[in-house]
Protein backbone atom coordinates (compact mmCIF):
# COMPACT_ATOMS: atom_id res chain seq x y z
CA MET A 1 30.71 -21.30 7.71
CA VAL A 2 30.93 -21.47 3.94
CA ARG A 3 29.04 -24.76 3.96
CA TYR A 4 26.31 -23.15 6.06
CA VAL A 5 25.93 -20.25 3.61
CA ILE A 6 25.76 -22.61 0.64
CA ARG A 7 23.19 -24.78 2.41
CA ARG A 8 21.05 -21.75 3.22
CA LEU A 9 21.22 -20.59 -0.40
CA LEU A 10 20.06 -24.01 -1.56
CA ILE A 11 17.18 -23.91 0.93
CA THR A 12 16.21 -20.52 -0.47
CA ILE A 13 15.53 -22.00 -3.92
CA PRO A 14 12.39 -24.02 -3.01
CA ILE A 15 11.14 -21.06 -0.96
CA ILE A 16 11.36 -18.74 -3.96
CA VAL A 17 9.73 -21.37 -6.20
CA ALA A 18 6.86 -21.72 -3.71
CA VAL A 19 6.42 -17.93 -3.58
CA ALA A 20 6.34 -17.76 -7.38
CA ILE A 21 3.70 -20.51 -7.58
CA ILE A 22 1.52 -18.92 -4.90
CA VAL A 23 1.71 -15.44 -6.43
CA PHE A 24 1.02 -16.74 -9.94
CA THR A 25 -1.96 -18.74 -8.68
CA LEU A 26 -3.41 -15.73 -6.87
CA MET A 27 -3.02 -13.55 -9.95
CA TYR A 28 -4.53 -16.25 -12.18
CA PHE A 29 -7.72 -16.49 -10.12
CA VAL A 30 -8.18 -12.75 -9.55
CA PRO A 31 -11.48 -11.69 -11.16
CA GLY A 32 -11.32 -9.55 -14.27
CA ASP A 33 -10.08 -9.78 -17.83
CA PRO A 34 -6.65 -8.21 -18.46
CA ALA A 35 -7.50 -7.88 -22.15
CA VAL A 36 -10.44 -5.63 -21.30
CA LEU A 37 -8.27 -3.57 -18.97
CA ILE A 38 -5.67 -3.05 -21.67
CA LEU A 39 -7.95 -2.42 -24.67
CA GLY A 40 -10.92 -0.89 -22.86
CA GLU A 41 -14.62 -1.67 -22.81
CA ALA A 42 -15.10 -0.48 -26.38
CA ALA A 43 -12.90 -3.22 -27.86
CA SER A 44 -14.56 -5.80 -30.08
CA GLU A 45 -14.64 -9.50 -29.20
CA GLU A 46 -12.17 -10.24 -32.01
CA GLU A 47 -9.71 -7.68 -30.59
CA LEU A 48 -10.12 -9.09 -27.09
CA ALA A 49 -9.52 -12.63 -28.31
CA ALA A 50 -6.42 -11.52 -30.19
CA MET A 51 -5.09 -9.75 -27.08
CA ARG A 52 -5.72 -12.84 -24.93
CA GLU A 53 -3.82 -14.90 -27.48
CA TYR A 54 -0.98 -12.37 -27.49
CA LEU A 55 -0.76 -12.34 -23.69
CA GLY A 56 -1.08 -16.11 -23.49
CA ILE A 57 -3.85 -15.98 -20.89
CA ASN A 58 -6.23 -18.17 -22.90
CA ARG A 59 -4.14 -21.27 -22.18
CA PRO A 60 -4.78 -23.72 -19.32
CA TYR A 61 -3.54 -22.82 -15.84
CA ILE A 62 -0.84 -25.49 -15.63
CA VAL A 63 0.60 -24.52 -19.02
CA GLN A 64 0.82 -20.85 -18.02
CA LEU A 65 2.36 -21.77 -14.67
CA LEU A 66 5.06 -23.98 -16.17
CA ASP A 67 5.83 -21.36 -18.78
CA TYR A 68 6.16 -18.70 -16.07
CA LEU A 69 8.45 -20.87 -13.92
CA LYS A 70 10.63 -21.59 -16.96
CA GLN A 71 10.84 -17.90 -17.78
CA LEU A 72 11.67 -17.05 -14.16
CA PHE A 73 14.17 -19.72 -13.13
CA ILE A 74 15.67 -20.88 -16.43
CA ASP A 75 15.61 -17.73 -18.54
CA PHE A 76 16.09 -15.48 -15.45
CA ASP A 77 13.50 -13.08 -16.82
CA LEU A 78 10.90 -11.40 -14.61
CA GLY A 79 8.80 -10.67 -17.68
CA THR A 80 7.46 -7.62 -19.46
CA SER A 81 4.85 -5.20 -18.18
CA TRP A 82 1.53 -5.48 -19.96
CA ILE A 83 0.70 -1.81 -19.39
CA TYR A 84 4.05 -0.04 -19.83
CA LYS A 85 5.56 -2.54 -22.31
CA THR A 86 8.88 -2.33 -20.45
CA ASN A 87 11.13 -5.01 -18.99
CA ILE A 88 10.31 -5.53 -15.30
CA SER A 89 13.92 -6.28 -14.35
CA THR A 90 15.02 -2.97 -15.87
CA GLU A 91 12.30 -1.08 -14.02
CA LEU A 92 13.30 -2.64 -10.71
CA TYR A 93 16.97 -1.97 -11.40
CA ASN A 94 16.22 1.71 -12.00
CA ARG A 95 13.84 2.10 -9.05
CA MET A 96 15.55 -0.02 -6.42
CA PRO A 97 18.29 2.50 -5.46
CA THR A 98 15.64 5.02 -4.34
CA THR A 99 13.76 2.49 -2.20
CA PHE A 100 17.03 1.07 -0.90
CA ALA A 101 18.27 4.52 0.11
CA ILE A 102 15.10 5.26 2.09
CA CYS A 103 15.38 1.96 3.96
CA VAL A 104 19.12 2.30 4.65
CA TYR A 105 18.85 5.86 5.97
CA SER A 106 15.89 4.92 8.15
CA ILE A 107 17.58 1.84 9.62
CA LEU A 108 20.86 3.66 10.31
CA VAL A 109 19.15 6.48 12.18
CA SER A 110 16.89 3.98 13.93
CA ALA A 111 19.93 2.07 15.19
CA CYS A 112 21.70 5.26 16.28
CA LEU A 113 18.65 6.30 18.31
CA GLY A 114 17.08 3.02 19.37
CA ILE A 115 20.13 1.16 20.69
CA PRO A 116 21.36 3.94 23.05
CA LEU A 117 17.79 4.51 24.27
CA GLY A 118 17.40 0.79 24.95
CA VAL A 119 20.69 0.67 26.86
CA MET A 120 19.67 3.74 28.86
CA ALA A 121 16.33 2.15 29.72
CA ALA A 122 17.96 -1.12 30.80
CA VAL A 123 20.53 0.45 33.10
CA ASN A 124 17.82 2.67 34.63
CA GLN A 125 15.22 -0.05 35.04
CA ASP A 126 11.99 1.10 36.72
CA ARG A 127 13.19 4.71 36.81
CA TRP A 128 11.94 7.59 34.69
CA PRO A 129 14.24 6.98 31.63
CA ASP A 130 12.99 3.38 31.47
CA LYS A 131 9.35 4.43 31.79
CA LEU A 132 9.83 7.13 29.16
CA VAL A 133 11.25 4.65 26.64
CA LEU A 134 8.46 2.16 27.31
CA TRP A 135 5.85 4.89 26.95
CA MET A 136 7.33 6.12 23.67
CA SER A 137 7.52 2.56 22.37
CA SER A 138 3.88 1.87 23.22
CA ILE A 139 2.61 5.05 21.59
CA PHE A 140 4.82 5.36 18.52
CA THR A 141 4.65 1.71 17.51
CA CYS A 142 0.84 1.79 17.45
CA ILE A 143 0.70 4.64 14.94
CA PRO A 144 1.06 3.48 11.29
CA ASN A 145 3.83 5.10 9.26
CA TYR A 146 1.37 6.60 6.77
CA CYS A 147 -0.24 8.57 9.61
CA TRP A 148 3.17 10.00 10.50
CA ALA A 149 3.67 10.77 6.80
CA LEU A 150 0.46 12.79 6.57
CA LEU A 151 1.28 14.61 9.81
CA PHE A 152 4.79 15.49 8.63
CA ILE A 153 3.47 16.72 5.28
CA VAL A 154 1.03 19.08 7.00
CA VAL A 155 3.56 20.40 9.55
CA PHE A 156 6.94 20.43 7.79
CA ALA A 157 5.94 20.72 4.12
CA LEU A 158 2.70 22.73 3.94
CA ASN A 159 2.98 24.94 7.03
CA LEU A 160 6.74 25.38 7.47
CA GLY A 161 7.84 24.71 3.88
CA TRP A 162 11.07 23.03 4.98
CA PHE A 163 10.82 19.92 2.84
CA PRO A 164 9.20 18.97 -0.49
CA ILE A 165 5.90 17.13 -0.55
CA TYR A 166 6.65 14.75 -3.41
CA GLY A 167 9.39 13.37 -5.64
CA VAL A 168 13.15 13.17 -5.13
CA SER A 169 14.18 16.15 -7.23
CA GLN A 170 15.50 18.18 -4.27
CA GLY A 171 18.21 15.77 -3.19
CA TRP A 172 18.54 14.81 0.46
CA LYS A 173 15.58 16.98 1.49
CA SER A 174 13.27 14.70 -0.48
CA TYR A 175 14.24 11.73 1.71
CA VAL A 176 13.74 13.39 5.09
CA LEU A 177 9.97 13.04 5.48
CA PRO A 178 9.72 9.45 4.15
CA CYS A 179 12.61 8.37 6.38
CA LEU A 180 11.09 10.09 9.41
CA SER A 181 7.79 8.35 8.74
CA ILE A 182 9.48 4.95 8.87
CA LEU A 183 11.77 5.95 11.73
CA MET A 184 9.04 6.92 14.19
CA GLY A 185 7.82 3.37 14.60
CA SER A 186 11.08 1.50 14.07
CA PHE A 187 13.46 3.14 16.55
CA THR A 188 11.10 2.77 19.51
CA GLY A 189 10.55 -0.92 18.77
CA LEU A 190 14.32 -1.36 18.50
CA ALA A 191 14.80 0.47 21.81
CA ARG A 192 12.36 -1.87 23.52
CA GLN A 193 14.13 -4.95 22.14
CA THR A 194 17.54 -3.55 23.14
CA ARG A 195 16.22 -2.96 26.65
CA SER A 196 15.00 -6.55 26.95
CA SER A 197 18.28 -7.98 25.64
CA MET A 198 20.40 -5.77 27.88
CA LEU A 199 18.41 -6.72 30.99
CA GLU A 200 19.37 -10.35 30.36
CA VAL A 201 23.11 -9.66 30.27
CA ILE A 202 23.85 -6.74 32.61
CA ARG A 203 23.45 -8.99 35.63
CA SER A 204 25.88 -11.58 34.26
CA ASP A 205 29.09 -12.46 36.09
CA TYR A 206 31.39 -10.96 33.44
CA VAL A 207 29.59 -7.62 33.72
CA THR A 208 29.96 -7.66 37.49
CA SER A 209 33.63 -8.56 37.06
CA ALA A 210 34.16 -5.68 34.63
CA ARG A 211 32.60 -3.28 37.11
CA ALA A 212 34.84 -4.63 39.89
CA GLN A 213 37.91 -3.98 37.73
CA GLY A 214 37.09 -0.28 37.68
CA TYR A 215 35.89 0.16 34.10
CA SER A 216 33.59 3.12 33.43
CA ARG A 217 29.85 2.59 33.07
CA ASN A 218 29.92 3.26 29.33
CA THR A 219 32.79 0.81 28.82
CA VAL A 220 31.00 -1.90 30.79
CA TYR A 221 27.65 -1.43 29.09
CA TYR A 222 28.75 -0.75 25.50
CA LEU A 223 31.93 -2.86 25.20
CA HIS A 224 31.09 -5.78 27.47
CA ALA A 225 27.32 -6.12 27.80
CA LEU A 226 26.00 -4.79 24.47
CA PRO A 227 27.98 -7.15 22.16
CA ASN A 228 26.45 -10.13 23.97
CA ALA A 229 22.97 -8.66 23.58
CA LEU A 230 23.28 -7.96 19.84
CA ILE A 231 21.75 -11.18 18.48
CA PRO A 232 18.08 -10.18 18.98
CA ILE A 233 18.92 -6.59 18.00
CA ILE A 234 20.45 -7.70 14.70
CA THR A 235 17.36 -9.83 14.06
CA ILE A 236 15.09 -6.81 14.56
CA LEU A 237 17.27 -4.60 12.34
CA GLY A 238 17.35 -7.21 9.57
CA THR A 239 13.61 -7.76 9.76
CA GLN A 240 12.90 -4.03 9.73
CA PHE A 241 15.17 -3.52 6.75
CA ALA A 242 13.67 -6.41 4.78
CA ALA A 243 10.13 -5.34 5.65
CA GLY A 244 10.98 -1.75 4.74
CA LEU A 245 11.93 -2.73 1.19
CA GLY A 246 8.40 -3.99 0.63
CA GLY A 247 6.67 -1.81 3.19
CA THR A 248 7.48 1.53 1.57
CA LEU A 249 4.63 0.88 -0.86
CA ILE A 250 2.21 3.26 0.87
CA LEU A 251 4.82 5.89 1.69
CA GLU A 252 6.16 6.03 -1.86
CA THR A 253 2.60 6.48 -3.07
CA ILE A 254 1.95 9.30 -0.57
CA PHE A 255 5.18 11.12 -1.45
CA SER A 256 5.12 10.16 -5.17
CA ILE A 257 8.62 8.70 -4.89
CA PRO A 258 9.62 6.75 -8.03
CA GLY A 259 10.65 3.59 -6.19
CA VAL A 260 9.61 -0.04 -6.16
CA GLY A 261 6.61 0.67 -3.93
CA LEU A 262 5.07 3.17 -6.35
CA TYR A 263 5.70 0.76 -9.22
CA VAL A 264 3.92 -2.08 -7.38
CA THR A 265 1.01 0.19 -6.48
CA GLY A 266 0.55 1.22 -10.10
CA ALA A 267 0.79 -2.40 -11.24
CA ILE A 268 -1.87 -3.51 -8.74
CA THR A 269 -4.19 -0.64 -9.65
CA LYS A 270 -3.93 -1.38 -13.37
CA ARG A 271 -3.86 -5.16 -12.87
CA ASP A 272 -0.50 -5.46 -14.53
CA TYR A 273 -0.08 -9.07 -13.38
CA PRO A 274 3.47 -9.69 -14.68
CA ALA A 275 4.72 -6.58 -12.90
CA VAL A 276 3.03 -7.59 -9.64
CA MET A 277 4.41 -11.13 -9.79
CA GLY A 278 7.88 -9.96 -10.76
CA CYS A 279 8.05 -7.44 -7.90
CA VAL A 280 6.82 -9.95 -5.31
CA VAL A 281 9.31 -12.61 -6.39
CA PHE A 282 12.12 -10.05 -6.48
CA LEU A 283 11.30 -8.82 -2.97
CA ALA A 284 11.06 -12.41 -1.72
CA ILE A 285 14.58 -13.10 -3.01
CA LEU A 286 15.86 -9.94 -1.32
CA PHE A 287 14.17 -10.91 1.95
CA CYS A 288 15.80 -14.35 1.93
CA LEU A 289 19.22 -12.85 1.18
CA ILE A 290 18.86 -10.28 3.96
CA MET A 291 17.91 -12.97 6.47
CA LEU A 292 20.95 -14.96 5.33
CA GLY A 293 23.10 -11.89 5.91
CA VAL A 294 21.60 -11.57 9.40
CA ASP A 295 22.60 -15.17 10.20
CA VAL A 296 26.14 -14.49 8.99
CA LEU A 297 26.30 -11.36 11.17
CA TYR A 298 25.48 -13.57 14.17
CA ALA A 299 28.81 -15.32 13.67
CA VAL A 300 30.63 -12.01 13.22
CA VAL A 301 29.43 -10.40 16.46
CA ASP A 302 29.17 -13.51 18.67
CA PRO A 303 32.21 -15.85 18.93
CA ARG A 304 29.97 -18.54 20.40
CA VAL A 305 27.93 -18.75 17.21
CA ARG A 306 31.10 -18.76 15.10
CA ALA A 307 32.55 -21.55 17.24
CA GLN A 308 29.34 -23.53 16.77
CA TYR A 309 29.61 -23.29 12.98
CA GLU A 310 33.31 -24.25 13.10
CA ALA A 311 32.58 -27.20 15.39
CA LYS A 312 29.91 -28.51 13.00
CA GLY A 313 32.32 -28.19 10.08
CA ALA A 314 35.08 -30.00 11.97
CA LYS A 315 32.66 -32.77 12.91
CA ARG A 316 31.69 -33.31 9.28
CA ARG A 317 35.33 -33.40 8.20
CA HIS A 318 36.10 -35.91 10.93
CA LYS A 319 33.27 -38.20 9.80
CA ALA A 320 34.47 -37.93 6.20
């Protein structure tokens, strides 16, 4: 298992390098002059030339790329914002807890709602609970989270006054509407996936045997069937969590939440290229680590996967 984790971490390195190269290349060829954006249209040509020299953007593409890769992977420095003149790593460190909290709360509630609904739909296949879950999944998943956000602002913030419209100054109340906006689409998709996974296992021999031994329905479904259906469910949860870290961009802008999403939006709007590149690379690293954690969870919840890893390790030791 340890060998597998190390191997996956090593595979992650070229992926992150490729992401950094692609993002840098896209930013390099984006139309517009950063010097003009920073100094304004009224700046003289001498001032613009001096700013380009200061930023290093007057050098050839390959030189800038190699310098950026050195800064990123040798100096471990995401760079400095052109607009705010602050260290990007520090900004992400300060903003990440807010974005992380929104994603964690949303995923936890999504799991608490989606998994039981999926189990209920599976054990009541083709009956009204199953049709209700499928209907909810079809409707809720099609509506973007920013539409839910605007609806919740109108209903719960403006009309009822229960929750704040922007910021995180009011504690847990500030997280309710953003989390609900993410939750509405995620828990129904999770319920649908849970239903599909459960339908594959509830007709298995061990489930029939558990029923024959007199176990209650909840014991059979939640302690015998559900653990064997968790692999696809964990995949969906991991993907939703990883996507949520980068996908809160619009929601944080709508609710003016000082997280990574709002920082990226401001960087894109002002063409703060170092900030955009640093955020994308940082989120790519997080995504790879989360997917690695998902693979490790496979071995935790499924003994068959753990036995497969152990068998591969024993085989390598035997060859050695």
